[in-house]
PDB file of N, CA and C in Angstrom:
ATOM      1  N   MET A   1     -99.421 -15.877-178.635  1.00  0.00           N
ATOM      2  CA  MET A   1     -98.593 -14.888-177.989  1.00  0.00           C
ATOM      3  C   MET A   1     -98.738 -15.018-176.477  1.00  0.00           C
ATOM      4  N   ASN A   2     -97.668 -14.741-175.845  1.00  0.00           N
ATOM      5  CA  ASN A   2     -97.761 -14.807-174.394  1.00  0.00           C
ATOM      6  C   ASN A   2     -98.329 -13.504-173.847  1.00  0.00           C
ATOM      7  N   GLU A   3     -98.701 -13.531-172.584  1.00  0.00           N
ATOM      8  CA  GLU A   3     -99.375 -12.393-171.955  1.00  0.00           C
ATOM      9  C   GLU A   3     -98.487 -11.157-171.861  1.00  0.00           C
ATOM     10  N   LYS A   4     -97.203 -11.360-171.666  1.00  0.00           N
ATOM     11  CA  LYS A   4     -96.273 -10.231-171.567  1.00  0.00           C
ATOM     12  C   LYS A   4     -96.217  -9.451-172.880  1.00  0.00           C
ATOM     13  N   MET A   5     -96.189 -10.163-173.977  1.00  0.00           N
ATOM     14  CA  MET A   5     -96.148  -9.526-175.294  1.00  0.00           C
ATOM     15  C   MET A   5     -97.446  -8.768-175.577  1.00  0.00           C
ATOM     16  N   VAL A   6     -98.561  -9.328-175.187  1.00  0.00           N
ATOM     17  CA  VAL A   6     -99.856  -8.655-175.375  1.00  0.00           C
ATOM     18  C   VAL A   6     -99.887  -7.374-174.550  1.00  0.00           C
ATOM     19  N   GLY A   7     -99.383  -7.424-173.345  1.00  0.00           N
ATOM     20  CA  GLY A   7     -99.330  -6.239-172.482  1.00  0.00           C
ATOM     21  C   GLY A   7     -98.439  -5.157-173.070  1.00  0.00           C
ATOM     22  N   LEU A   8     -97.300  -5.572-173.618  1.00  0.00           N
ATOM     23  CA  LEU A   8     -96.401  -4.611-174.250  1.00  0.00           C
ATOM     24  C   LEU A   8     -97.039  -3.963-175.482  1.00  0.00           C
ATOM     25  N   MET A   9     -97.747  -4.739-176.266  1.00  0.00           N
ATOM     26  CA  MET A   9     -98.402  -4.190-177.458  1.00  0.00           C
ATOM     27  C   MET A   9     -99.522  -3.221-177.075  1.00  0.00           C
ATOM     28  N   ARG A  10    -100.262  -3.564-176.005  1.00  0.00           N
ATOM     29  CA  ARG A  10    -101.323  -2.675-175.531  1.00  0.00           C
ATOM     30  C   ARG A  10    -100.709  -1.358-175.042  1.00  0.00           C
ATOM     31  N   ARG A  11     -99.624  -1.465-174.277  1.00  0.00           N
ATOM     32  CA  ARG A  11     -98.940  -0.259-173.760  1.00  0.00           C
ATOM     33  C   ARG A  11     -98.412   0.592-174.917  1.00  0.00           C
ATOM     34  N   ARG A  12     -97.882  -0.080-175.929  1.00  0.00           N
ATOM     35  CA  ARG A  12     -97.373   0.643-177.109  1.00  0.00           C
ATOM     36  C   ARG A  12     -98.498   1.407-177.795  1.00  0.00           C
ATOM     37  N   GLY A  13     -99.648   0.779-177.933  1.00  0.00           N
ATOM     38  CA  GLY A  13    -100.815   1.436-178.540  1.00  0.00           C
ATOM     39  C   GLY A  13    -101.254   2.656-177.740  1.00  0.00           C
ATOM     40  N   GLU A  14    -101.253   2.507-176.396  1.00  0.00           N
ATOM     41  CA  GLU A  14    -101.626   3.634-175.540  1.00  0.00           C
ATOM     42  C   GLU A  14    -100.641   4.787-175.697  1.00  0.00           C
ATOM     43  N   LEU A  15     -99.364   4.444-175.736  1.00  0.00           N
ATOM     44  CA  LEU A  15     -98.343   5.489-175.885  1.00  0.00           C
ATOM     45  C   LEU A  15     -98.451   6.185-177.244  1.00  0.00           C
ATOM     46  N   LEU A  16     -98.719   5.406-178.292  1.00  0.00           N
ATOM     47  CA  LEU A  16     -98.870   6.015-179.622  1.00  0.00           C
ATOM     48  C   LEU A  16    -100.082   6.945-179.670  1.00  0.00           C
ATOM     49  N   ALA A  17    -101.171   6.570-179.003  1.00  0.00           N
ATOM     50  CA  ALA A  17    -102.359   7.424-178.942  1.00  0.00           C
ATOM     51  C   ALA A  17    -102.051   8.703-178.172  1.00  0.00           C
ATOM     52  N   LYS A  18    -101.298   8.567-177.085  1.00  0.00           N
ATOM     53  CA  LYS A  18    -100.918   9.740-176.283  1.00  0.00           C
ATOM     54  C   LYS A  18    -100.015  10.668-177.097  1.00  0.00           C
ATOM     55  N   ILE A  19     -99.094  10.076-177.865  1.00  0.00           N
ATOM     56  CA  ILE A  19     -98.210  10.878-178.719  1.00  0.00           C
ATOM     57  C   ILE A  19     -99.013  11.643-179.755  1.00  0.00           C
ATOM     58  N   ALA A  20     -99.998  10.989-180.355  1.00  0.00           N
ATOM     59  CA  ALA A  20    -100.829  11.651-181.370  1.00  0.00           C
ATOM     60  C   ALA A  20    -101.596  12.823-180.755  1.00  0.00           C
ATOM     61  N   THR A  21    -102.127  12.630-179.547  1.00  0.00           N
ATOM     62  CA  THR A  21    -102.843  13.714-178.860  1.00  0.00           C
ATOM     63  C   THR A  21    -101.902  14.885-178.569  1.00  0.00           C
ATOM     64  N   GLN A  22    -100.710  14.569-178.077  1.00  0.00           N
ATOM     65  CA  GLN A  22     -99.743  15.626-177.776  1.00  0.00           C
ATOM     66  C   GLN A  22     -99.304  16.352-179.044  1.00  0.00           C
ATOM     67  N   ARG A  23     -99.169  15.618-180.147  1.00  0.00           N
ATOM     68  CA  ARG A  23     -98.796  16.242-181.418  1.00  0.00           C
ATOM     69  C   ARG A  23     -99.881  17.233-181.859  1.00  0.00           C
ATOM     70  N   ASP A  24    -101.142  16.862-181.698  1.00  0.00           N
ATOM     71  CA  ASP A  24    -102.242  17.768-182.049  1.00  0.00           C
ATOM     72  C   ASP A  24    -102.227  19.013-181.163  1.00  0.00           C
ATOM     73  N   GLN A  25    -101.982  18.813-179.856  1.00  0.00           N
ATOM     74  CA  GLN A  25    -101.919  19.946-178.932  1.00  0.00           C
ATOM     75  C   GLN A  25    -100.767  20.876-179.302  1.00  0.00           C
ATOM     76  N   LEU A  26     -99.632  20.315-179.647  1.00  0.00           N
ATOM     77  CA  LEU A  26     -98.479  21.110-180.046  1.00  0.00           C
ATOM     78  C   LEU A  26     -98.775  21.902-181.319  1.00  0.00           C
ATOM     79  N   GLY A  27     -99.511  21.292-182.246  1.00  0.00           N
ATOM     80  CA  GLY A  27     -99.906  21.993-183.467  1.00  0.00           C
ATOM     81  C   GLY A  27    -100.797  23.193-183.165  1.00  0.00           C
ATOM     82  N   GLU A  28    -101.719  23.037-182.221  1.00  0.00           N
ATOM     83  CA  GLU A  28    -102.596  24.147-181.832  1.00  0.00           C
ATOM     84  C   GLU A  28    -101.795  25.276-181.183  1.00  0.00           C
ATOM     85  N   ILE A  29    -100.850  24.913-180.325  1.00  0.00           N
ATOM     86  CA  ILE A  29    -100.012  25.925-179.680  1.00  0.00           C
ATOM     87  C   ILE A  29     -99.184  26.653-180.727  1.00  0.00           C
ATOM     88  N   GLY A  30     -98.669  25.896-181.702  1.00  0.00           N
ATOM     89  CA  GLY A  30     -97.890  26.497-182.785  1.00  0.00           C
ATOM     90  C   GLY A  30     -98.706  27.500-183.582  1.00  0.00           C
ATOM     91  N   LYS A  31     -99.971  27.188-183.832  1.00  0.00           N
ATOM     92  CA  LYS A  31    -100.846  28.113-184.563  1.00  0.00           C
ATOM     93  C   LYS A  31    -101.050  29.407-183.767  1.00  0.00           C
ATOM     94  N   GLN A  32    -101.184  29.274-182.437  1.00  0.00           N
ATOM     95  CA  GLN A  32    -101.383  30.456-181.597  1.00  0.00           C
ATOM     96  C   GLN A  32    -100.129  31.331-181.561  1.00  0.00           C
ATOM     97  N   LEU A  33     -98.962  30.722-181.659  1.00  0.00           N
ATOM     98  CA  LEU A  33     -97.708  31.473-181.575  1.00  0.00           C
ATOM     99  C   LEU A  33     -97.207  31.972-182.930  1.00  0.00           C
ATOM    100  N   GLN A  34     -97.896  31.621-183.992  1.00  0.00           N
ATOM    101  CA  GLN A  34     -97.436  31.973-185.332  1.00  0.00           C
ATOM    102  C   GLN A  34     -97.335  33.491-185.520  1.00  0.00           C
ATOM    103  N   ILE A  35     -98.323  34.246-185.113  1.00  0.00           N
ATOM    104  CA  ILE A  35     -98.307  35.705-185.294  1.00  0.00           C
ATOM    105  C   ILE A  35     -97.256  36.364-184.397  1.00  0.00           C
ATOM    106  N   PRO A  36     -97.188  36.041-183.089  1.00  0.00           N
ATOM    107  CA  PRO A  36     -96.132  36.660-182.276  1.00  0.00           C
ATOM    108  C   PRO A  36     -94.718  36.314-182.759  1.00  0.00           C
ATOM    109  N   LEU A  37     -94.508  35.092-183.214  1.00  0.00           N
ATOM    110  CA  LEU A  37     -93.183  34.718-183.702  1.00  0.00           C
ATOM    111  C   LEU A  37     -92.845  35.444-184.998  1.00  0.00           C
ATOM    112  N   ALA A  38     -93.838  35.665-185.850  1.00  0.00           N
ATOM    113  CA  ALA A  38     -93.599  36.426-187.080  1.00  0.00           C
ATOM    114  C   ALA A  38     -93.230  37.866-186.730  1.00  0.00           C
ATOM    115  N   LEU A  39     -93.880  38.433-185.724  1.00  0.00           N
ATOM    116  CA  LEU A  39     -93.556  39.786-185.283  1.00  0.00           C
ATOM    117  C   LEU A  39     -92.132  39.843-184.716  1.00  0.00           C
ATOM    118  N   ALA A  40     -91.757  38.836-183.946  1.00  0.00           N
ATOM    119  CA  ALA A  40     -90.391  38.782-183.405  1.00  0.00           C
ATOM    120  C   ALA A  40     -89.374  38.656-184.536  1.00  0.00           C
ATOM    121  N   ASP A  41     -89.702  37.893-185.565  1.00  0.00           N
ATOM    122  CA  ASP A  41     -88.808  37.778-186.722  1.00  0.00           C
ATOM    123  C   ASP A  41     -88.609  39.132-187.396  1.00  0.00           C
ATOM    124  N   ARG A  42     -89.677  39.891-187.521  1.00  0.00           N
ATOM    125  CA  ARG A  42     -89.556  41.228-188.115  1.00  0.00           C
ATOM    126  C   ARG A  42     -88.670  42.128-187.257  1.00  0.00           C
ATOM    127  N   GLY A  43     -88.835  42.026-185.937  1.00  0.00           N
ATOM    128  CA  GLY A  43     -88.003  42.824-185.033  1.00  0.00           C
ATOM    129  C   GLY A  43     -86.533  42.469-185.158  1.00  0.00           C
ATOM    130  N   VAL A  44     -86.233  41.175-185.240  1.00  0.00           N
ATOM    131  CA  VAL A  44     -84.843  40.735-185.401  1.00  0.00           C
ATOM    132  C   VAL A  44     -84.293  41.231-186.733  1.00  0.00           C
ATOM    133  N   ALA A  45     -85.107  41.162-187.787  1.00  0.00           N
ATOM    134  CA  ALA A  45     -84.658  41.644-189.095  1.00  0.00           C
ATOM    135  C   ALA A  45     -84.390  43.151-189.050  1.00  0.00           C
ATOM    136  N   ALA A  46     -85.223  43.901-188.336  1.00  0.00           N
ATOM    137  CA  ALA A  46     -85.021  45.345-188.227  1.00  0.00           C
ATOM    138  C   ALA A  46     -83.732  45.654-187.466  1.00  0.00           C
ATOM    139  N   VAL A  47     -83.479  44.938-186.394  1.00  0.00           N
ATOM    140  CA  VAL A  47     -82.248  45.156-185.623  1.00  0.00           C
ATOM    141  C   VAL A  47     -81.028  44.831-186.472  1.00  0.00           C
ATOM    142  N   ARG A  48     -81.093  43.746-187.217  1.00  0.00           N
ATOM    143  CA  ARG A  48     -79.967  43.386-188.096  1.00  0.00           C
ATOM    144  C   ARG A  48     -79.739  44.454-189.154  1.00  0.00           C
ATOM    145  N   PHE A  49     -80.820  45.003-189.693  1.00  0.00           N
ATOM    146  CA  PHE A  49     -80.681  46.059-190.700  1.00  0.00           C
ATOM    147  C   PHE A  49     -80.007  47.285-190.094  1.00  0.00           C
ATOM    148  N   LEU A  50     -80.465  47.684-188.900  1.00  0.00           N
ATOM    149  CA  LEU A  50     -79.896  48.865-188.259  1.00  0.00           C
ATOM    150  C   LEU A  50     -78.431  48.645-187.885  1.00  0.00           C
ATOM    151  N   ARG A  51     -78.090  47.446-187.464  1.00  0.00           N
ATOM    152  CA  ARG A  51     -76.687  47.155-187.142  1.00  0.00           C
ATOM    153  C   ARG A  51     -75.826  47.154-188.398  1.00  0.00           C
ATOM    154  N   GLY A  52     -76.421  46.817-189.520  1.00  0.00           N
ATOM    155  CA  GLY A  52     -75.687  46.798-190.774  1.00  0.00           C
ATOM    156  C   GLY A  52     -75.553  48.166-191.419  1.00  0.00           C
ATOM    157  N   HIS A  53     -76.339  49.141-190.971  1.00  0.00           N
ATOM    158  CA  HIS A  53     -76.325  50.494-191.535  1.00  0.00           C
ATOM    159  C   HIS A  53     -76.191  51.523-190.413  1.00  0.00           C
ATOM    160  N   PRO A  54     -75.017  51.618-189.784  1.00  0.00           N
ATOM    161  CA  PRO A  54     -74.868  52.513-188.627  1.00  0.00           C
ATOM    162  C   PRO A  54     -75.005  53.994-188.997  1.00  0.00           C
ATOM    163  N   LEU A  55     -74.606  54.375-190.195  1.00  0.00           N
ATOM    164  CA  LEU A  55     -74.720  55.776-190.587  1.00  0.00           C
ATOM    165  C   LEU A  55     -76.190  56.181-190.712  1.00  0.00           C
ATOM    166  N   LEU A  56     -76.985  55.316-191.290  1.00  0.00           N
ATOM    167  CA  LEU A  56     -78.415  55.587-191.391  1.00  0.00           C
ATOM    168  C   LEU A  56     -79.043  55.668-190.007  1.00  0.00           C
ATOM    169  N   THR A  57     -78.642  54.766-189.115  1.00  0.00           N
ATOM    170  CA  THR A  57     -79.159  54.776-187.743  1.00  0.00           C
ATOM    171  C   THR A  57     -78.799  56.077-187.040  1.00  0.00           C
ATOM    172  N   ALA A  58     -77.554  56.520-187.208  1.00  0.00           N
ATOM    173  CA  ALA A  58     -77.132  57.778-186.587  1.00  0.00           C
ATOM    174  C   ALA A  58     -77.922  58.952-187.154  1.00  0.00           C
ATOM    175  N   GLY A  59     -78.171  58.933-188.444  1.00  0.00           N
ATOM    176  CA  GLY A  59     -78.954  60.011-189.065  1.00  0.00           C
ATOM    177  C   GLY A  59     -80.376  60.063-188.528  1.00  0.00           C
ATOM    178  N   VAL A  60     -81.002  58.909-188.409  1.00  0.00           N
ATOM    179  CA  VAL A  60     -82.374  58.865-187.882  1.00  0.00           C
ATOM    180  C   VAL A  60     -82.389  59.313-186.423  1.00  0.00           C
ATOM    181  N   ALA A  61     -81.403  58.857-185.648  1.00  0.00           N
ATOM    182  CA  ALA A  61     -81.336  59.259-184.239  1.00  0.00           C
ATOM    183  C   ALA A  61     -81.140  60.768-184.123  1.00  0.00           C
ATOM    184  N   THR A  62     -80.305  61.317-184.969  1.00  0.00           N
ATOM    185  CA  THR A  62     -80.086  62.771-184.961  1.00  0.00           C
ATOM    186  C   THR A  62     -81.370  63.507-185.309  1.00  0.00           C
ATOM    187  N   PHE A  63     -82.075  63.003-186.298  1.00  0.00           N
ATOM    188  CA  PHE A  63     -83.339  63.620-186.703  1.00  0.00           C
ATOM    189  C   PHE A  63     -84.338  63.613-185.548  1.00  0.00           C
ATOM    190  N   VAL A  64     -84.409  62.505-184.832  1.00  0.00           N
ATOM    191  CA  VAL A  64     -85.344  62.396-183.705  1.00  0.00           C
ATOM    192  C   VAL A  64     -84.956  63.371-182.603  1.00  0.00           C
ATOM    193  N   VAL A  65     -83.655  63.471-182.314  1.00  0.00           N
ATOM    194  CA  VAL A  65     -83.199  64.383-181.261  1.00  0.00           C
ATOM    195  C   VAL A  65     -83.488  65.820-181.664  1.00  0.00           C
ATOM    196  N   ILE A  66     -83.231  66.170-182.911  1.00  0.00           N
ATOM    197  CA  ILE A  66     -83.491  67.538-183.366  1.00  0.00           C
ATOM    198  C   ILE A  66     -84.979  67.858-183.260  1.00  0.00           C
ATOM    199  N   ARG A  67     -85.824  66.898-183.609  1.00  0.00           N
ATOM    200  CA  ARG A  67     -87.266  67.134-183.543  1.00  0.00           C
ATOM    201  C   ARG A  67     -87.731  67.332-182.097  1.00  0.00           C
ATOM    202  N   ARG A  68     -87.110  66.614-181.159  1.00  0.00           N
ATOM    203  CA  ARG A  68     -87.555  66.709-179.764  1.00  0.00           C
ATOM    204  C   ARG A  68     -86.960  67.913-179.050  1.00  0.00           C
ATOM    205  N   ARG A  69     -85.672  68.193-179.248  1.00  0.00           N
ATOM    206  CA  ARG A  69     -84.991  69.233-178.491  1.00  0.00           C
ATOM    207  C   ARG A  69     -84.649  70.457-179.322  1.00  0.00           C
ATOM    208  N   GLY A  70     -84.736  70.360-180.592  1.00  0.00           N
ATOM    209  CA  GLY A  70     -84.327  71.453-181.454  1.00  0.00           C
ATOM    210  C   GLY A  70     -82.822  71.404-181.690  1.00  0.00           C
ATOM    211  N   LEU A  71     -82.351  72.225-182.572  1.00  0.00           N
ATOM    212  CA  LEU A  71     -80.938  72.241-182.925  1.00  0.00           C
ATOM    213  C   LEU A  71     -80.083  72.688-181.741  1.00  0.00           C
ATOM    214  N   ALA A  72     -80.580  73.658-180.965  1.00  0.00           N
ATOM    215  CA  ALA A  72     -79.822  74.125-179.800  1.00  0.00           C
ATOM    216  C   ALA A  72     -79.637  72.993-178.785  1.00  0.00           C
ATOM    217  N   GLY A  73     -80.650  72.196-178.571  1.00  0.00           N
ATOM    218  CA  GLY A  73     -80.549  71.062-177.655  1.00  0.00           C
ATOM    219  C   GLY A  73     -79.552  70.036-178.152  1.00  0.00           C
ATOM    220  N   LEU A  74     -79.527  69.823-179.465  1.00  0.00           N
ATOM    221  CA  LEU A  74     -78.564  68.883-180.032  1.00  0.00           C
ATOM    222  C   LEU A  74     -77.143  69.389-179.835  1.00  0.00           C
ATOM    223  N   LEU A  75     -76.931  70.662-180.078  1.00  0.00           N
ATOM    224  CA  LEU A  75     -75.596  71.236-179.908  1.00  0.00           C
ATOM    225  C   LEU A  75     -75.171  71.205-178.439  1.00  0.00           C
ATOM    226  N   ARG A  76     -76.095  71.501-177.547  1.00  0.00           N
ATOM    227  CA  ARG A  76     -75.800  71.460-176.116  1.00  0.00           C
ATOM    228  C   ARG A  76     -75.408  70.041-175.695  1.00  0.00           C
ATOM    229  N   GLY A  77     -76.144  69.058-176.183  1.00  0.00           N
ATOM    230  CA  GLY A  77     -75.820  67.673-175.864  1.00  0.00           C
ATOM    231  C   GLY A  77     -74.472  67.257-176.425  1.00  0.00           C
ATOM    232  N   ALA A  78     -74.170  67.689-177.639  1.00  0.00           N
ATOM    233  CA  ALA A  78     -72.872  67.366-178.238  1.00  0.00           C
ATOM    234  C   ALA A  78     -71.741  68.022-177.439  1.00  0.00           C
ATOM    235  N   TRP A  79     -71.962  69.269-176.986  1.00  0.00           N
ATOM    236  CA  TRP A  79     -70.946  69.968-176.197  1.00  0.00           C
ATOM    237  C   TRP A  79     -70.703  69.232-174.876  1.00  0.00           C
ATOM    238  N   ARG A  80     -71.764  68.799-174.221  1.00  0.00           N
ATOM    239  CA  ARG A  80     -71.622  68.055-172.961  1.00  0.00           C
ATOM    240  C   ARG A  80     -70.893  66.730-173.194  1.00  0.00           C
ATOM    241  N   LEU A  81     -71.216  66.082-174.280  1.00  0.00           N
ATOM    242  CA  LEU A  81     -70.553  64.825-174.611  1.00  0.00           C
ATOM    243  C   LEU A  81     -69.065  65.051-174.837  1.00  0.00           C
ATOM    244  N   TRP A  82     -68.718  66.118-175.544  1.00  0.00           N
ATOM    245  CA  TRP A  82     -67.315  66.447-175.808  1.00  0.00           C
ATOM    246  C   TRP A  82     -66.575  66.750-174.504  1.00  0.00           C
ATOM    247  N   LYS A  83     -67.195  67.556-173.644  1.00  0.00           N
ATOM    248  CA  LYS A  83     -66.564  67.893-172.368  1.00  0.00           C
ATOM    249  C   LYS A  83     -66.403  66.643-171.492  1.00  0.00           C
ATOM    250  N   GLY A  84     -67.386  65.791-171.492  1.00  0.00           N
ATOM    251  CA  GLY A  84     -67.288  64.542-170.731  1.00  0.00           C
ATOM    252  C   GLY A  84     -66.169  63.657-171.255  1.00  0.00           C
ATOM    253  N   TYR A  85     -66.039  63.582-172.553  1.00  0.00           N
ATOM    254  CA  TYR A  85     -64.972  62.796-173.166  1.00  0.00           C
ATOM    255  C   TYR A  85     -63.607  63.343-172.766  1.00  0.00           C
ATOM    256  N   ARG A  86     -63.479  64.653-172.832  1.00  0.00           N
ATOM    257  CA  ARG A  86     -62.202  65.282-172.464  1.00  0.00           C
ATOM    258  C   ARG A  86     -61.877  65.020-170.992  1.00  0.00           C
ATOM    259  N   TYR A  87     -62.857  65.094-170.124  1.00  0.00           N
ATOM    260  CA  TYR A  87     -62.652  64.853-168.703  1.00  0.00           C
ATOM    261  C   TYR A  87     -62.194  63.410-168.468  1.00  0.00           C
ATOM    262  N   VAL A  88     -62.886  62.459-169.083  1.00  0.00           N
ATOM    263  CA  VAL A  88     -62.552  61.048-168.888  1.00  0.00           C
ATOM    264  C   VAL A  88     -61.159  60.744-169.416  1.00  0.00           C
ATOM    265  N   THR A  89     -60.793  61.286-170.573  1.00  0.00           N
ATOM    266  CA  THR A  89     -59.452  61.027-171.107  1.00  0.00           C
ATOM    267  C   THR A  89     -58.390  61.670-170.219  1.00  0.00           C
ATOM    268  N   GLY A  90     -58.679  62.848-169.646  1.00  0.00           N
ATOM    269  CA  GLY A  90     -57.730  63.496-168.735  1.00  0.00           C
ATOM    270  C   GLY A  90     -57.507  62.679-167.481  1.00  0.00           C
ATOM    271  N   VAL A  91     -58.578  62.195-166.892  1.00  0.00           N
ATOM    272  CA  VAL A  91     -58.467  61.365-165.691  1.00  0.00           C
ATOM    273  C   VAL A  91     -57.728  60.068-166.023  1.00  0.00           C
ATOM    274  N   SER A  92     -58.030  59.497-167.158  1.00  0.00           N
ATOM    275  CA  SER A  92     -57.362  58.263-167.573  1.00  0.00           C
ATOM    276  C   SER A  92     -55.863  58.483-167.746  1.00  0.00           C
ATOM    277  N   ALA A  93     -55.494  59.607-168.333  1.00  0.00           N
ATOM    278  CA  ALA A  93     -54.073  59.905-168.532  1.00  0.00           C
ATOM    279  C   ALA A  93     -53.369  60.082-167.184  1.00  0.00           C
ATOM    280  N   LYS A  94     -54.024  60.761-166.245  1.00  0.00           N
ATOM    281  CA  LYS A  94     -53.418  60.949-164.918  1.00  0.00           C
ATOM    282  C   LYS A  94     -53.250  59.616-164.200  1.00  0.00           C
ATOM    283  N   LEU A  95     -54.226  58.757-164.304  1.00  0.00           N
ATOM    284  CA  LEU A  95     -54.135  57.454-163.661  1.00  0.00           C
ATOM    285  C   LEU A  95     -53.046  56.597-164.279  1.00  0.00           C
ATOM    286  N   SER A  96     -52.909  56.666-165.587  1.00  0.00           N
ATOM    287  CA  SER A  96     -51.872  55.858-166.235  1.00  0.00           C
ATOM    288  C   SER A  96     -50.477  56.385-165.896  1.00  0.00           C
ATOM    289  N   GLN A  97     -50.354  57.713-165.704  1.00  0.00           N
ATOM    290  CA  GLN A  97     -49.057  58.280-165.307  1.00  0.00           C
ATOM    291  C   GLN A  97     -48.703  57.818-163.892  1.00  0.00           C
ATOM    292  N   ARG A  98     -49.682  57.753-163.005  1.00  0.00           N
ATOM    293  CA  ARG A  98     -49.434  57.304-161.629  1.00  0.00           C
ATOM    294  C   ARG A  98     -48.978  55.852-161.606  1.00  0.00           C
ATOM    295  N   SER A  99     -49.600  55.032-162.429  1.00  0.00           N
ATOM    296  CA  SER A  99     -49.233  53.617-162.414  1.00  0.00           C
ATOM    297  C   SER A  99     -47.853  53.385-163.010  1.00  0.00           C
ATOM    298  N   GLN A 100     -47.398  54.253-163.910  1.00  0.00           N
ATOM    299  CA  GLN A 100     -46.077  54.111-164.502  1.00  0.00           C
ATOM    300  C   GLN A 100     -44.991  54.574-163.530  1.00  0.00           C
ATOM    301  N   VAL A 101     -45.301  55.568-162.689  1.00  0.00           N
ATOM    302  CA  VAL A 101     -44.324  56.108-161.738  1.00  0.00           C
ATOM    303  C   VAL A 101     -44.093  55.110-160.617  1.00  0.00           C
ATOM    304  N   SER A 102     -45.138  54.451-160.146  1.00  0.00           N
ATOM    305  CA  SER A 102     -45.033  53.534-158.998  1.00  0.00           C
ATOM    306  C   SER A 102     -44.215  52.325-159.277  1.00  0.00           C
TER     307      SER A 102
END
């Protein structure tokens, strides 16, 4: 074999050894991330479940609000939300009338 081929084979061996070391390091990092990634998977599954069951989500949210503010607080918040909605729709209607007149 010529010297160039021997040099290439030596370099190939060095690169393969480096790859094996990096593969082992990657395996160790993967082991360290296994628990956090499993927790993230559970979080994603929970979000998907809640997005798939909006009525259940609304019920739980209502329960939490009632527990924190009481029924009067829930009613007060609903009243404010209704009044805000009415205000926004009124302003929107006035703006759309102006744009149609111009």
